[in-house]
């Protein structure tokens, strides 16, 4: 199944919140994303049906292996693209916003090439300093 931008955004948010707070509740997602609790509840049901999340005792939300893989992939794209855009001189705010859009549509091939290029640039900068 091909994931949607919205699916990736919700999973990435759950992933980031889990890493930041150690646990994730629907209210945390609502606060982070600025959406209503009913909207979050609807999406959590959808993600559960699609096999991306499992509810845990105490109403915590846990990514399944499938959900974790897609969330980690999306988050990596976000962080790498943000860093590359900043390295090009794009302001922090715009780099974040653009990375958030591009991360959902860039091909695996193009992302891998950009990531490799960014790693080479980082090596070159370290060797020069």
N, C-alpha and C. Protein backbone atom coordinates (compact mmCIF):
# COMPACT_ATOMS: atom_id res chain seq x y z
N UNK A 1 0.83 -1.19 0.00
CA UNK A 1 0.00 0.00 0.00
C UNK A 1 0.87 1.25 0.00
N UNK A 2 0.53 2.20 -0.81
CA UNK A 2 1.24 3.46 -0.86
C UNK A 2 0.68 4.36 0.24
N UNK A 3 1.57 4.93 1.02
CA UNK A 3 1.11 5.78 2.11
C UNK A 3 0.80 7.18 1.59
N UNK A 4 -0.04 7.87 2.34
CA UNK A 4 -0.38 9.24 1.98
C UNK A 4 0.47 10.20 2.80
N UNK A 5 0.50 11.43 2.37
CA UNK A 5 1.22 12.47 3.10
C UNK A 5 0.68 12.57 4.53
N UNK A 6 -0.64 12.54 4.68
CA UNK A 6 -1.24 12.65 6.01
C UNK A 6 -0.83 11.48 6.90
N UNK A 7 -0.85 10.27 6.35
CA UNK A 7 -0.42 9.10 7.12
C UNK A 7 1.00 9.29 7.61
N UNK A 8 1.88 9.71 6.72
CA UNK A 8 3.28 9.92 7.07
C UNK A 8 3.43 11.01 8.13
N UNK A 9 2.65 12.07 8.03
CA UNK A 9 2.74 13.15 9.02
C UNK A 9 2.32 12.67 10.41
N UNK A 10 1.23 11.92 10.47
CA UNK A 10 0.79 11.40 11.77
C UNK A 10 1.82 10.44 12.34
N UNK A 11 2.32 9.53 11.53
CA UNK A 11 3.31 8.57 12.03
C UNK A 11 4.59 9.27 12.47
N UNK A 12 5.03 10.25 11.71
CA UNK A 12 6.24 11.00 12.08
C UNK A 12 6.02 11.73 13.41
N UNK A 13 4.85 12.30 13.60
CA UNK A 13 4.55 12.99 14.85
C UNK A 13 4.57 12.01 16.02
N UNK A 14 3.98 10.84 15.85
CA UNK A 14 4.00 9.82 16.90
C UNK A 14 5.44 9.43 17.21
N UNK A 15 6.23 9.24 16.18
CA UNK A 15 7.64 8.86 16.32
C UNK A 15 8.43 9.91 17.11
N UNK A 16 8.26 11.16 16.74
CA UNK A 16 8.97 12.26 17.41
C UNK A 16 8.52 12.38 18.87
N UNK A 17 7.22 12.30 19.11
CA UNK A 17 6.70 12.39 20.48
C UNK A 17 7.19 11.23 21.34
N UNK A 18 7.24 10.04 20.78
CA UNK A 18 7.74 8.87 21.52
C UNK A 18 9.19 9.08 21.91
N UNK A 19 10.00 9.58 20.98
CA UNK A 19 11.41 9.83 21.27
C UNK A 19 11.59 10.97 22.28
N UNK A 20 10.72 11.95 22.24
CA UNK A 20 10.81 13.10 23.14
C UNK A 20 10.28 12.77 24.54
N UNK A 21 9.12 12.10 24.61
CA UNK A 21 8.41 11.93 25.87
C UNK A 21 8.41 10.50 26.43
N UNK A 22 8.78 9.54 25.61
CA UNK A 22 8.77 8.15 26.05
C UNK A 22 7.44 7.45 25.87
N UNK A 23 6.40 8.20 25.67
CA UNK A 23 5.07 7.64 25.43
C UNK A 23 4.26 8.64 24.62
N UNK A 24 3.18 8.15 24.02
CA UNK A 24 2.35 9.02 23.18
C UNK A 24 0.88 8.73 23.48
N UNK A 25 0.14 9.80 23.69
CA UNK A 25 -1.31 9.71 23.86
C UNK A 25 -1.96 10.55 22.76
N UNK A 26 -3.20 10.29 22.48
CA UNK A 26 -3.91 11.04 21.44
C UNK A 26 -3.89 12.53 21.74
N UNK A 27 -4.02 12.91 23.00
CA UNK A 27 -4.02 14.32 23.36
C UNK A 27 -2.67 14.97 23.03
N UNK A 28 -1.58 14.20 23.15
CA UNK A 28 -0.25 14.72 22.80
C UNK A 28 -0.17 15.03 21.31
N UNK A 29 -0.74 14.13 20.52
CA UNK A 29 -0.73 14.31 19.06
C UNK A 29 -1.58 15.54 18.69
N UNK A 30 -2.74 15.66 19.33
CA UNK A 30 -3.62 16.81 19.07
C UNK A 30 -2.91 18.12 19.38
N UNK A 31 -2.22 18.15 20.50
CA UNK A 31 -1.50 19.36 20.90
C UNK A 31 -0.37 19.67 19.92
N UNK A 32 0.41 18.65 19.58
CA UNK A 32 1.57 18.83 18.69
C UNK A 32 1.15 19.30 17.29
N UNK A 33 0.07 18.70 16.78
CA UNK A 33 -0.34 18.99 15.40
C UNK A 33 -1.35 20.13 15.31
N UNK A 34 -1.95 20.51 16.44
CA UNK A 34 -2.94 21.59 16.43
C UNK A 34 -4.28 21.16 15.88
N UNK A 35 -4.61 19.87 16.00
CA UNK A 35 -5.89 19.35 15.51
C UNK A 35 -6.79 19.02 16.69
N UNK A 36 -8.08 18.88 16.41
CA UNK A 36 -9.04 18.55 17.46
C UNK A 36 -8.90 17.09 17.87
N UNK A 37 -9.36 16.79 19.08
CA UNK A 37 -9.32 15.41 19.56
C UNK A 37 -10.15 14.47 18.68
N UNK A 38 -11.34 14.88 18.21
CA UNK A 38 -12.09 13.99 17.32
C UNK A 38 -11.34 13.68 16.02
N UNK A 39 -10.64 14.66 15.47
CA UNK A 39 -9.84 14.42 14.26
C UNK A 39 -8.74 13.42 14.54
N UNK A 40 -8.07 13.58 15.66
CA UNK A 40 -6.99 12.65 16.03
C UNK A 40 -7.56 11.26 16.24
N UNK A 41 -8.69 11.15 16.92
CA UNK A 41 -9.32 9.86 17.17
C UNK A 41 -9.66 9.16 15.86
N UNK A 42 -10.19 9.90 14.91
CA UNK A 42 -10.52 9.35 13.59
C UNK A 42 -9.27 8.81 12.91
N UNK A 43 -8.19 9.59 12.96
CA UNK A 43 -6.95 9.17 12.32
C UNK A 43 -6.30 7.98 13.04
N UNK A 44 -6.39 7.95 14.36
CA UNK A 44 -5.80 6.83 15.08
C UNK A 44 -6.54 5.53 14.74
N UNK A 45 -7.86 5.62 14.57
CA UNK A 45 -8.62 4.44 14.14
C UNK A 45 -8.19 3.99 12.75
N UNK A 46 -7.99 4.94 11.87
CA UNK A 46 -7.54 4.62 10.51
C UNK A 46 -6.15 3.98 10.53
N UNK A 47 -5.24 4.57 11.29
CA UNK A 47 -3.87 4.02 11.37
C UNK A 47 -3.87 2.63 12.01
N UNK A 48 -4.75 2.41 12.97
CA UNK A 48 -4.88 1.09 13.60
C UNK A 48 -5.38 0.07 12.58
N UNK A 49 -6.42 0.43 11.82
CA UNK A 49 -6.97 -0.47 10.80
C UNK A 49 -5.94 -0.82 9.74
N UNK A 50 -5.06 0.14 9.42
CA UNK A 50 -4.05 -0.08 8.39
C UNK A 50 -2.79 -0.76 8.94
N UNK A 51 -2.78 -1.03 10.23
CA UNK A 51 -1.68 -1.78 10.83
C UNK A 51 -0.45 -0.96 11.18
N UNK A 52 -0.61 0.35 11.31
CA UNK A 52 0.52 1.21 11.64
C UNK A 52 0.71 1.43 13.15
N UNK A 53 -0.39 1.34 13.91
CA UNK A 53 -0.30 1.57 15.35
C UNK A 53 -1.10 0.51 16.10
N UNK A 54 -0.74 0.37 17.37
CA UNK A 54 -1.50 -0.46 18.30
C UNK A 54 -1.74 0.37 19.54
N UNK A 55 -2.94 0.30 20.09
CA UNK A 55 -3.15 0.98 21.37
C UNK A 55 -2.49 0.14 22.46
N UNK A 56 -1.95 0.80 23.45
CA UNK A 56 -1.33 0.12 24.56
C UNK A 56 -2.21 0.38 25.79
N UNK A 57 -2.07 -0.44 26.80
CA UNK A 57 -2.83 -0.19 28.02
C UNK A 57 -2.59 1.23 28.50
N UNK A 58 -3.63 1.85 29.03
CA UNK A 58 -3.48 3.22 29.51
C UNK A 58 -3.62 4.25 28.40
N UNK A 59 -4.11 3.84 27.26
CA UNK A 59 -4.37 4.75 26.13
C UNK A 59 -3.12 5.27 25.42
N UNK A 60 -1.99 4.66 25.67
CA UNK A 60 -0.80 5.05 24.91
C UNK A 60 -0.89 4.51 23.50
N UNK A 61 -0.26 5.20 22.58
CA UNK A 61 -0.25 4.80 21.18
C UNK A 61 1.14 4.30 20.86
N UNK A 62 1.22 3.12 20.27
CA UNK A 62 2.50 2.49 19.98
C UNK A 62 2.55 2.16 18.49
N UNK A 63 3.66 2.51 17.86
CA UNK A 63 3.85 2.17 16.46
C UNK A 63 4.12 0.68 16.32
N UNK A 64 3.51 0.07 15.31
CA UNK A 64 3.84 -1.31 14.98
C UNK A 64 5.17 -1.30 14.24
N UNK A 65 5.69 -2.46 13.93
CA UNK A 65 6.94 -2.52 13.16
C UNK A 65 6.78 -1.80 11.82
N UNK A 66 5.65 -2.01 11.18
CA UNK A 66 5.34 -1.35 9.91
C UNK A 66 5.26 0.17 10.09
N UNK A 67 4.60 0.61 11.16
CA UNK A 67 4.47 2.05 11.43
C UNK A 67 5.79 2.69 11.79
N UNK A 68 6.58 1.98 12.58
CA UNK A 68 7.90 2.48 12.98
C UNK A 68 8.80 2.66 11.76
N UNK A 69 8.76 1.69 10.85
CA UNK A 69 9.61 1.76 9.65
C UNK A 69 9.26 2.98 8.80
N UNK A 70 7.97 3.20 8.56
CA UNK A 70 7.57 4.35 7.74
C UNK A 70 7.83 5.66 8.47
N UNK A 71 7.59 5.70 9.77
CA UNK A 71 7.84 6.92 10.55
C UNK A 71 9.32 7.27 10.56
N UNK A 72 10.18 6.27 10.77
CA UNK A 72 11.62 6.51 10.80
C UNK A 72 12.12 6.99 9.44
N UNK A 73 11.59 6.39 8.38
CA UNK A 73 11.98 6.79 7.02
C UNK A 73 11.58 8.25 6.77
N UNK A 74 10.38 8.61 7.15
CA UNK A 74 9.89 9.97 6.95
C UNK A 74 10.70 10.96 7.78
N UNK A 75 10.97 10.61 9.03
CA UNK A 75 11.74 11.50 9.90
C UNK A 75 13.17 11.68 9.39
N UNK A 76 13.78 10.61 8.91
CA UNK A 76 15.13 10.73 8.36
C UNK A 76 15.13 11.68 7.17
N UNK A 77 14.16 11.53 6.29
CA UNK A 77 14.06 12.43 5.14
C UNK A 77 13.94 13.87 5.61
N UNK A 78 13.10 14.08 6.61
CA UNK A 78 12.89 15.44 7.12
C UNK A 78 14.19 16.03 7.65
N UNK A 79 14.90 15.28 8.47
CA UNK A 79 16.11 15.82 9.09
C UNK A 79 17.22 16.02 8.07
N UNK A 80 17.39 15.08 7.14
CA UNK A 80 18.44 15.21 6.14
C UNK A 80 18.14 16.37 5.19
N UNK A 81 16.91 16.45 4.72
CA UNK A 81 16.55 17.53 3.80
C UNK A 81 16.66 18.90 4.48
N UNK A 82 16.22 18.99 5.73
CA UNK A 82 16.34 20.26 6.46
C UNK A 82 17.80 20.68 6.54
N UNK A 83 18.67 19.75 6.89
CA UNK A 83 20.11 20.06 7.00
C UNK A 83 20.69 20.48 5.64
N UNK A 84 20.31 19.79 4.59
CA UNK A 84 20.81 20.15 3.26
C UNK A 84 20.34 21.54 2.84
N UNK A 85 19.07 21.83 3.08
CA UNK A 85 18.55 23.15 2.71
C UNK A 85 19.24 24.25 3.50
N UNK A 86 19.48 24.00 4.80
CA UNK A 86 20.19 24.99 5.62
C UNK A 86 21.62 25.18 5.10
N UNK A 87 22.27 24.09 4.72
CA UNK A 87 23.64 24.17 4.19
C UNK A 87 23.69 24.99 2.91
N UNK A 88 22.59 25.02 2.17
CA UNK A 88 22.52 25.81 0.95
C UNK A 88 22.25 27.28 1.24
N UNK A 89 22.00 27.61 2.51
CA UNK A 89 21.76 29.00 2.88
C UNK A 89 20.30 29.35 3.07
N UNK A 90 19.42 28.36 3.04
CA UNK A 90 18.00 28.60 3.26
C UNK A 90 17.79 28.86 4.75
N UNK A 91 16.94 29.81 5.08
CA UNK A 91 16.67 30.12 6.49
C UNK A 91 16.12 28.89 7.21
N UNK A 92 16.31 28.85 8.52
CA UNK A 92 15.84 27.71 9.31
C UNK A 92 14.36 27.44 9.12
N UNK A 93 13.55 28.48 9.21
CA UNK A 93 12.10 28.32 9.10
C UNK A 93 11.70 27.77 7.73
N UNK A 94 12.23 28.34 6.68
CA UNK A 94 11.89 27.88 5.32
C UNK A 94 12.45 26.49 5.06
N UNK A 95 13.64 26.21 5.55
CA UNK A 95 14.23 24.87 5.38
C UNK A 95 13.33 23.82 6.01
N UNK A 96 12.82 24.08 7.21
CA UNK A 96 11.91 23.15 7.89
C UNK A 96 10.63 22.97 7.10
N UNK A 97 10.04 24.06 6.67
CA UNK A 97 8.77 24.01 5.93
C UNK A 97 8.94 23.26 4.61
N UNK A 98 10.00 23.57 3.87
CA UNK A 98 10.22 22.92 2.58
C UNK A 98 10.53 21.43 2.76
N UNK A 99 11.34 21.10 3.75
CA UNK A 99 11.66 19.69 4.02
C UNK A 99 10.39 18.92 4.35
N UNK A 100 9.50 19.54 5.09
CA UNK A 100 8.25 18.90 5.49
C UNK A 100 7.38 18.58 4.27
N UNK A 101 7.45 19.40 3.25
CA UNK A 101 6.69 19.14 2.03
C UNK A 101 7.40 18.13 1.13
N UNK A 102 8.68 18.33 0.93
CA UNK A 102 9.45 17.51 -0.01
C UNK A 102 9.58 16.07 0.47
N UNK A 103 9.69 15.86 1.77
CA UNK A 103 9.93 14.52 2.33
C UNK A 103 8.89 13.49 1.89
N UNK A 104 7.71 13.93 1.55
CA UNK A 104 6.63 13.02 1.18
C UNK A 104 6.61 12.65 -0.30
N UNK A 105 7.32 13.39 -1.12
CA UNK A 105 7.20 13.20 -2.55
C UNK A 105 8.50 12.82 -3.26
N UNK A 106 9.62 12.99 -2.60
CA UNK A 106 10.90 12.70 -3.22
C UNK A 106 11.07 11.19 -3.38
N UNK A 107 11.64 10.77 -4.48
CA UNK A 107 11.84 9.34 -4.71
C UNK A 107 12.96 8.81 -3.82
N UNK A 108 12.94 7.51 -3.59
CA UNK A 108 14.01 6.88 -2.81
C UNK A 108 15.37 7.12 -3.47
N UNK A 109 15.40 7.03 -4.79
CA UNK A 109 16.66 7.21 -5.53
C UNK A 109 17.22 8.63 -5.35
N UNK A 110 16.37 9.61 -5.53
CA UNK A 110 16.82 11.00 -5.40
C UNK A 110 17.22 11.30 -3.96
N UNK A 111 16.45 10.81 -3.00
CA UNK A 111 16.80 11.04 -1.60
C UNK A 111 18.16 10.42 -1.27
N UNK A 112 18.38 9.20 -1.72
CA UNK A 112 19.66 8.52 -1.45
C UNK A 112 20.82 9.32 -2.05
N UNK A 113 20.63 9.86 -3.25
CA UNK A 113 21.69 10.64 -3.89
C UNK A 113 21.95 11.94 -3.12
N UNK A 114 20.89 12.62 -2.70
CA UNK A 114 21.05 13.85 -1.92
C UNK A 114 21.72 13.57 -0.58
N UNK A 115 21.32 12.49 0.06
CA UNK A 115 21.91 12.12 1.35
C UNK A 115 23.40 11.82 1.19
N UNK A 116 23.75 11.06 0.17
CA UNK A 116 25.16 10.73 -0.08
C UNK A 116 25.96 11.99 -0.37
N UNK A 117 25.39 12.88 -1.16
CA UNK A 117 26.06 14.14 -1.49
C UNK A 117 26.27 14.97 -0.22
N UNK A 118 25.25 15.03 0.63
CA UNK A 118 25.37 15.77 1.88
C UNK A 118 26.44 15.18 2.79
N UNK A 119 26.53 13.85 2.82
CA UNK A 119 27.57 13.20 3.63
C UNK A 119 28.96 13.50 3.09
N UNK A 120 29.11 13.54 1.79
CA UNK A 120 30.40 13.88 1.17
C UNK A 120 30.78 15.32 1.49
N UNK A 121 29.82 16.22 1.40
CA UNK A 121 30.09 17.62 1.74
C UNK A 121 30.53 17.74 3.20
N UNK A 122 29.88 17.01 4.08
CA UNK A 122 30.23 17.06 5.50
C UNK A 122 31.65 16.54 5.72
N UNK A 123 32.03 15.48 5.03
CA UNK A 123 33.39 14.93 5.15
C UNK A 123 34.40 15.97 4.66
N UNK A 124 34.10 16.60 3.52
CA UNK A 124 35.01 17.60 2.97
C UNK A 124 35.21 18.77 3.92
N UNK A 125 34.15 19.20 4.56
CA UNK A 125 34.24 20.32 5.50
C UNK A 125 35.07 19.95 6.71
N UNK A 126 34.93 18.72 7.18
CA UNK A 126 35.70 18.29 8.34
C UNK A 126 37.18 18.16 8.02
N UNK A 127 37.49 17.71 6.80
CA UNK A 127 38.89 17.54 6.45
C UNK A 127 39.59 18.87 6.20
N UNK A 128 38.83 19.87 5.82
CA UNK A 128 39.40 21.19 5.55
C UNK A 128 39.67 21.93 6.86
N UNK A 129 38.83 21.71 7.84
CA UNK A 129 38.94 22.43 9.11
C UNK A 129 40.04 21.94 9.96
